[in-house]
PDB file of N, CA and C in Angstrom:
ATOM      1  N   MET A   1      29.587 -79.834  13.064  1.00  0.00           N
ATOM      2  CA  MET A   1      29.635 -78.868  13.713  1.00  0.00           C
ATOM      3  C   MET A   1      28.318 -78.290  14.283  1.00  0.00           C
ATOM      4  N   CYS A   2      27.737 -78.051  15.442  1.00  0.00           N
ATOM      5  CA  CYS A   2      26.294 -77.684  15.365  1.00  0.00           C
ATOM      6  C   CYS A   2      26.454 -75.492  14.936  1.00  0.00           C
ATOM      7  N   PRO A   3      25.813 -75.282  15.125  1.00  0.00           N
ATOM      8  CA  PRO A   3      25.452 -74.081  15.006  1.00  0.00           C
ATOM      9  C   PRO A   3      25.254 -73.260  16.434  1.00  0.00           C
ATOM     10  N   THR A   4      24.903 -72.138  16.773  1.00  0.00           N
ATOM     11  CA  THR A   4      25.316 -71.756  17.754  1.00  0.00           C
ATOM     12  C   THR A   4      23.063 -72.312  18.140  1.00  0.00           C
ATOM     13  N   PRO A   5      23.391 -72.602  19.382  1.00  0.00           N
ATOM     14  CA  PRO A   5      22.262 -73.322  20.649  1.00  0.00           C
ATOM     15  C   PRO A   5      21.221 -72.396  19.692  1.00  0.00           C
ATOM     16  N   THR A   6      19.750 -72.731  19.592  1.00  0.00           N
ATOM     17  CA  THR A   6      18.528 -71.886  20.269  1.00  0.00           C
ATOM     18  C   THR A   6      17.889 -71.923  20.823  1.00  0.00           C
ATOM     19  N   PRO A   7      16.986 -71.644  21.589  1.00  0.00           N
ATOM     20  CA  PRO A   7      16.143 -71.369  22.743  1.00  0.00           C
ATOM     21  C   PRO A   7      14.855 -72.576  22.129  1.00  0.00           C
ATOM     22  N   PRO A   8      14.210 -72.830  23.374  1.00  0.00           N
ATOM     23  CA  PRO A   8      13.440 -74.050  23.102  1.00  0.00           C
ATOM     24  C   PRO A   8      12.487 -73.237  22.224  1.00  0.00           C
ATOM     25  N   GLN A   9      11.450 -73.621  21.257  1.00  0.00           N
ATOM     26  CA  GLN A   9      10.351 -73.162  20.332  1.00  0.00           C
ATOM     27  C   GLN A   9       9.013 -73.630  20.902  1.00  0.00           C
ATOM     28  N   ALA A  10       8.737 -72.213  20.739  1.00  0.00           N
ATOM     29  CA  ALA A  10       7.321 -71.879  21.191  1.00  0.00           C
ATOM     30  C   ALA A  10       6.515 -71.429  20.611  1.00  0.00           C
ATOM     31  N   ALA A  11       5.353 -72.263  19.115  1.00  0.00           N
ATOM     32  CA  ALA A  11       4.100 -71.829  18.871  1.00  0.00           C
ATOM     33  C   ALA A  11       3.289 -70.015  19.070  1.00  0.00           C
ATOM     34  N   LEU A  12       3.556 -69.231  18.546  1.00  0.00           N
ATOM     35  CA  LEU A  12       2.728 -67.796  18.683  1.00  0.00           C
ATOM     36  C   LEU A  12       1.576 -67.954  18.223  1.00  0.00           C
ATOM     37  N   LEU A  13       0.680 -69.130  18.593  1.00  0.00           N
ATOM     38  CA  LEU A  13      -1.001 -69.579  17.988  1.00  0.00           C
ATOM     39  C   LEU A  13      -1.670 -68.315  18.704  1.00  0.00           C
ATOM     40  N   SER A  14      -2.699 -67.870  18.029  1.00  0.00           N
ATOM     41  CA  SER A  14      -4.111 -67.557  19.334  1.00  0.00           C
ATOM     42  C   SER A  14      -4.419 -68.986  20.392  1.00  0.00           C
ATOM     43  N   PRO A  15      -5.178 -68.322  21.648  1.00  0.00           N
ATOM     44  CA  PRO A  15      -5.484 -68.574  22.352  1.00  0.00           C
ATOM     45  C   PRO A  15      -6.257 -70.188  22.385  1.00  0.00           C
ATOM     46  N   SER A  16      -7.093 -69.637  20.954  1.00  0.00           N
ATOM     47  CA  SER A  16      -8.203 -70.846  20.914  1.00  0.00           C
ATOM     48  C   SER A  16      -7.627 -71.962  19.859  1.00  0.00           C
ATOM     49  N   SER A  17      -5.928 -72.397  20.132  1.00  0.00           N
ATOM     50  CA  SER A  17      -5.280 -73.093  19.324  1.00  0.00           C
ATOM     51  C   SER A  17      -5.790 -73.985  20.219  1.00  0.00           C
ATOM     52  N   SER A  18      -5.551 -75.517  20.183  1.00  0.00           N
ATOM     53  CA  SER A  18      -5.576 -76.240  21.040  1.00  0.00           C
ATOM     54  C   SER A  18      -3.545 -76.952  20.766  1.00  0.00           C
ATOM     55  N   THR A  19      -3.508 -77.046  22.289  1.00  0.00           N
ATOM     56  CA  THR A  19      -1.947 -77.586  22.866  1.00  0.00           C
ATOM     57  C   THR A  19      -1.664 -78.301  20.958  1.00  0.00           C
ATOM     58  N   THR A  20      -2.316 -79.396  21.163  1.00  0.00           N
ATOM     59  CA  THR A  20      -1.625 -79.932  19.748  1.00  0.00           C
ATOM     60  C   THR A  20      -1.481 -79.432  18.671  1.00  0.00           C
ATOM     61  N   ASP A  21      -2.142 -78.777  18.387  1.00  0.00           N
ATOM     62  CA  ASP A  21      -1.959 -77.705  16.932  1.00  0.00           C
ATOM     63  C   ASP A  21      -0.604 -76.241  17.715  1.00  0.00           C
ATOM     64  N   GLN A  22      -0.274 -76.303  18.470  1.00  0.00           N
ATOM     65  CA  GLN A  22       0.783 -75.188  18.920  1.00  0.00           C
ATOM     66  C   GLN A  22       2.299 -76.354  18.854  1.00  0.00           C
ATOM     67  N   ALA A  23       1.651 -77.675  19.559  1.00  0.00           N
ATOM     68  CA  ALA A  23       2.810 -78.598  19.214  1.00  0.00           C
ATOM     69  C   ALA A  23       3.830 -78.384  18.022  1.00  0.00           C
ATOM     70  N   ASN A  24       2.151 -78.918  17.619  1.00  0.00           N
ATOM     71  CA  ASN A  24       2.308 -78.897  15.685  1.00  0.00           C
ATOM     72  C   ASN A  24       3.519 -77.744  15.240  1.00  0.00           C
ATOM     73  N   GLU A  25       2.814 -76.318  15.259  1.00  0.00           N
ATOM     74  CA  GLU A  25       3.442 -75.364  14.322  1.00  0.00           C
ATOM     75  C   GLU A  25       4.765 -74.946  15.330  1.00  0.00           C
ATOM     76  N   ALA A  26       5.291 -75.739  16.528  1.00  0.00           N
ATOM     77  CA  ALA A  26       7.116 -75.103  17.043  1.00  0.00           C
ATOM     78  C   ALA A  26       7.543 -76.817  15.901  1.00  0.00           C
ATOM     79  N   ILE A  27       7.098 -77.528  16.030  1.00  0.00           N
ATOM     80  CA  ILE A  27       7.964 -78.251  15.053  1.00  0.00           C
ATOM     81  C   ILE A  27       8.015 -78.183  14.048  1.00  0.00           C
ATOM     82  N   ARG A  28       7.431 -77.342  13.223  1.00  0.00           N
ATOM     83  CA  ARG A  28       7.020 -76.844  12.141  1.00  0.00           C
ATOM     84  C   ARG A  28       8.302 -76.164  12.501  1.00  0.00           C
ATOM     85  N   VAL A  29       8.346 -74.745  12.292  1.00  0.00           N
ATOM     86  CA  VAL A  29       9.475 -73.652  12.983  1.00  0.00           C
ATOM     87  C   VAL A  29      10.495 -73.975  12.948  1.00  0.00           C
ATOM     88  N   PHE A  30      10.445 -75.073  14.242  1.00  0.00           N
ATOM     89  CA  PHE A  30      11.422 -75.409  14.477  1.00  0.00           C
ATOM     90  C   PHE A  30      12.934 -76.407  13.002  1.00  0.00           C
ATOM     91  N   LEU A  31      11.453 -77.333  12.262  1.00  0.00           N
ATOM     92  CA  LEU A  31      12.935 -77.725  11.124  1.00  0.00           C
ATOM     93  C   LEU A  31      12.597 -77.355   9.710  1.00  0.00           C
ATOM     94  N   ARG A  32      11.877 -76.113   9.914  1.00  0.00           N
ATOM     95  CA  ARG A  32      12.048 -74.786   8.855  1.00  0.00           C
ATOM     96  C   ARG A  32      13.236 -74.230   9.107  1.00  0.00           C
ATOM     97  N   ALA A  33      13.620 -73.772  10.023  1.00  0.00           N
ATOM     98  CA  ALA A  33      14.640 -73.113  10.738  1.00  0.00           C
ATOM     99  C   ALA A  33      15.818 -74.211   9.856  1.00  0.00           C
ATOM    100  N   ARG A  34      16.104 -74.747  10.215  1.00  0.00           N
ATOM    101  CA  ARG A  34      17.164 -76.402   9.721  1.00  0.00           C
ATOM    102  C   ARG A  34      17.214 -76.689   8.752  1.00  0.00           C
ATOM    103  N   ALA A  35      16.208 -76.092   7.631  1.00  0.00           N
ATOM    104  CA  ALA A  35      15.974 -76.859   6.297  1.00  0.00           C
ATOM    105  C   ALA A  35      17.084 -76.588   5.409  1.00  0.00           C
ATOM    106  N   GLY A  36      17.261 -78.003   5.325  1.00  0.00           N
ATOM    107  CA  GLY A  36      18.615 -78.510   4.078  1.00  0.00           C
ATOM    108  C   GLY A  36      19.916 -79.024   4.650  1.00  0.00           C
ATOM    109  N   ARG A  37      19.429 -78.802   5.852  1.00  0.00           N
ATOM    110  CA  ARG A  37      21.499 -79.591   6.461  1.00  0.00           C
ATOM    111  C   ARG A  37      19.984 -80.987   7.616  1.00  0.00           C
ATOM    112  N   ALA A  38      21.562 -81.154   8.020  1.00  0.00           N
ATOM    113  CA  ALA A  38      20.925 -82.738   9.712  1.00  0.00           C
ATOM    114  C   ALA A  38      21.389 -81.273  10.926  1.00  0.00           C
ATOM    115  N   LEU A  39      20.468 -82.089  11.491  1.00  0.00           N
ATOM    116  CA  LEU A  39      20.746 -82.050  12.834  1.00  0.00           C
ATOM    117  C   LEU A  39      21.870 -82.067  13.720  1.00  0.00           C
ATOM    118  N   CYS A  40      21.726 -81.276  14.891  1.00  0.00           N
ATOM    119  CA  CYS A  40      23.518 -81.270  15.237  1.00  0.00           C
ATOM    120  C   CYS A  40      22.915 -82.688  16.472  1.00  0.00           C
ATOM    121  N   PRO A  41      23.486 -82.716  17.304  1.00  0.00           N
ATOM    122  CA  PRO A  41      23.265 -83.266  18.015  1.00  0.00           C
ATOM    123  C   PRO A  41      21.748 -82.672  19.415  1.00  0.00           C
ATOM    124  N   ALA A  42      22.363 -81.453  19.771  1.00  0.00           N
ATOM    125  CA  ALA A  42      21.599 -81.048  20.448  1.00  0.00           C
ATOM    126  C   ALA A  42      20.246 -80.384  20.187  1.00  0.00           C
ATOM    127  N   GLU A  43      19.895 -79.772  18.217  1.00  0.00           N
ATOM    128  CA  GLU A  43      19.142 -79.852  17.890  1.00  0.00           C
ATOM    129  C   GLU A  43      18.319 -81.216  17.659  1.00  0.00           C
ATOM    130  N   ARG A  44      19.032 -82.914  17.096  1.00  0.00           N
ATOM    131  CA  ARG A  44      17.964 -83.700  17.510  1.00  0.00           C
ATOM    132  C   ARG A  44      17.607 -83.871  18.884  1.00  0.00           C
ATOM    133  N   ALA A  45      18.128 -83.569  20.056  1.00  0.00           N
ATOM    134  CA  ALA A  45      17.569 -83.806  21.662  1.00  0.00           C
ATOM    135  C   ALA A  45      16.424 -82.266  21.752  1.00  0.00           C
ATOM    136  N   GLU A  46      16.701 -81.888  20.699  1.00  0.00           N
ATOM    137  CA  GLU A  46      15.586 -80.837  21.349  1.00  0.00           C
ATOM    138  C   GLU A  46      14.089 -81.089  20.368  1.00  0.00           C
ATOM    139  N   TYR A  47      14.539 -81.656  19.127  1.00  0.00           N
ATOM    140  CA  TYR A  47      13.299 -81.824  18.061  1.00  0.00           C
ATOM    141  C   TYR A  47      12.584 -83.562  18.939  1.00  0.00           C
ATOM    142  N   GLY A  48      13.513 -83.539  19.678  1.00  0.00           N
ATOM    143  CA  GLY A  48      12.652 -85.255  20.421  1.00  0.00           C
ATOM    144  C   GLY A  48      11.528 -84.682  21.301  1.00  0.00           C
ATOM    145  N   ARG A  49      12.421 -83.361  21.894  1.00  0.00           N
ATOM    146  CA  ARG A  49      11.166 -82.862  23.025  1.00  0.00           C
ATOM    147  C   ARG A  49       9.728 -82.287  22.097  1.00  0.00           C
ATOM    148  N   LEU A  50      10.051 -81.524  21.475  1.00  0.00           N
ATOM    149  CA  LEU A  50       9.273 -81.387  20.365  1.00  0.00           C
ATOM    150  C   LEU A  50       8.133 -82.231  20.599  1.00  0.00           C
ATOM    151  N   LEU A  51       8.747 -83.506  20.239  1.00  0.00           N
ATOM    152  CA  LEU A  51       7.812 -84.842  19.610  1.00  0.00           C
ATOM    153  C   LEU A  51       6.922 -85.878  20.360  1.00  0.00           C
ATOM    154  N   GLY A  52       8.070 -85.476  22.093  1.00  0.00           N
ATOM    155  CA  GLY A  52       7.149 -85.841  22.606  1.00  0.00           C
ATOM    156  C   GLY A  52       5.718 -84.701  23.762  1.00  0.00           C
ATOM    157  N   VAL A  53       6.312 -83.071  23.503  1.00  0.00           N
ATOM    158  CA  VAL A  53       5.226 -82.208  23.751  1.00  0.00           C
ATOM    159  C   VAL A  53       3.827 -83.101  22.950  1.00  0.00           C
ATOM    160  N   TYR A  54       4.074 -83.342  21.761  1.00  0.00           N
ATOM    161  CA  TYR A  54       2.599 -83.007  20.931  1.00  0.00           C
ATOM    162  C   TYR A  54       2.379 -84.478  20.832  1.00  0.00           C
ATOM    163  N   THR A  55       2.943 -85.688  21.393  1.00  0.00           N
ATOM    164  CA  THR A  55       2.365 -86.958  21.341  1.00  0.00           C
ATOM    165  C   THR A  55       1.794 -86.741  22.409  1.00  0.00           C
ATOM    166  N   ARG A  56       1.931 -86.255  24.227  1.00  0.00           N
ATOM    167  CA  ARG A  56       1.239 -86.088  24.897  1.00  0.00           C
ATOM    168  C   ARG A  56       0.343 -85.335  25.218  1.00  0.00           C
ATOM    169  N   ALA A  57       0.138 -84.034  24.070  1.00  0.00           N
ATOM    170  CA  ALA A  57      -0.724 -83.584  23.727  1.00  0.00           C
ATOM    171  C   ALA A  57      -2.503 -83.720  23.045  1.00  0.00           C
ATOM    172  N   LEU A  58      -1.499 -84.944  21.864  1.00  0.00           N
ATOM    173  CA  LEU A  58      -2.074 -85.742  21.891  1.00  0.00           C
ATOM    174  C   LEU A  58      -2.770 -86.571  22.009  1.00  0.00           C
ATOM    175  N   ARG A  59      -2.484 -86.931  22.929  1.00  0.00           N
ATOM    176  CA  ARG A  59      -3.183 -88.737  23.179  1.00  0.00           C
ATOM    177  C   ARG A  59      -3.709 -87.204  24.668  1.00  0.00           C
ATOM    178  N   GLY A  60      -3.775 -86.820  25.454  1.00  0.00           N
ATOM    179  CA  GLY A  60      -4.499 -85.888  26.224  1.00  0.00           C
ATOM    180  C   GLY A  60      -5.453 -85.642  25.213  1.00  0.00           C
ATOM    181  N   GLU A  61      -5.979 -84.644  23.994  1.00  0.00           N
ATOM    182  CA  GLU A  61      -6.956 -84.848  23.007  1.00  0.00           C
ATOM    183  C   GLU A  61      -7.824 -86.303  23.126  1.00  0.00           C
ATOM    184  N   MET A  62      -7.298 -86.740  23.124  1.00  0.00           N
ATOM    185  CA  MET A  62      -7.385 -88.456  22.383  1.00  0.00           C
ATOM    186  C   MET A  62      -8.386 -89.341  23.547  1.00  0.00           C
ATOM    187  N   GLU A  63      -7.363 -88.954  24.916  1.00  0.00           N
ATOM    188  CA  GLU A  63      -8.411 -88.936  26.183  1.00  0.00           C
ATOM    189  C   GLU A  63     -10.017 -88.274  26.415  1.00  0.00           C
ATOM    190  N   LYS A  64      -9.660 -86.800  25.641  1.00  0.00           N
ATOM    191  CA  LYS A  64     -10.875 -86.427  26.345  1.00  0.00           C
ATOM    192  C   LYS A  64     -12.132 -86.783  25.217  1.00  0.00           C
ATOM    193  N   ALA A  65     -11.871 -87.217  24.131  1.00  0.00           N
ATOM    194  CA  ALA A  65     -13.398 -87.258  22.879  1.00  0.00           C
ATOM    195  C   ALA A  65     -13.503 -88.893  23.541  1.00  0.00           C
ATOM    196  N   ALA A  66     -12.816 -89.628  24.217  1.00  0.00           N
ATOM    197  CA  ALA A  66     -13.175 -91.007  24.559  1.00  0.00           C
ATOM    198  C   ALA A  66     -14.574 -90.490  25.577  1.00  0.00           C
TER     199      ALA A  66
END
């Protein structure tokens, strides 16, 4: 059974941090809070959403560099 749902994670980094860094930190915080146990379906969905944010940010940075 899934514990009480938690709101989507937002990384609290400095304004100079890239979106990719912020998304990566949000993933780390999310997973660290759930260490030692399997993710419930709602948590897996949120993790997937966070990965999508990270992937889009990374692609955007790669496009800027190109």
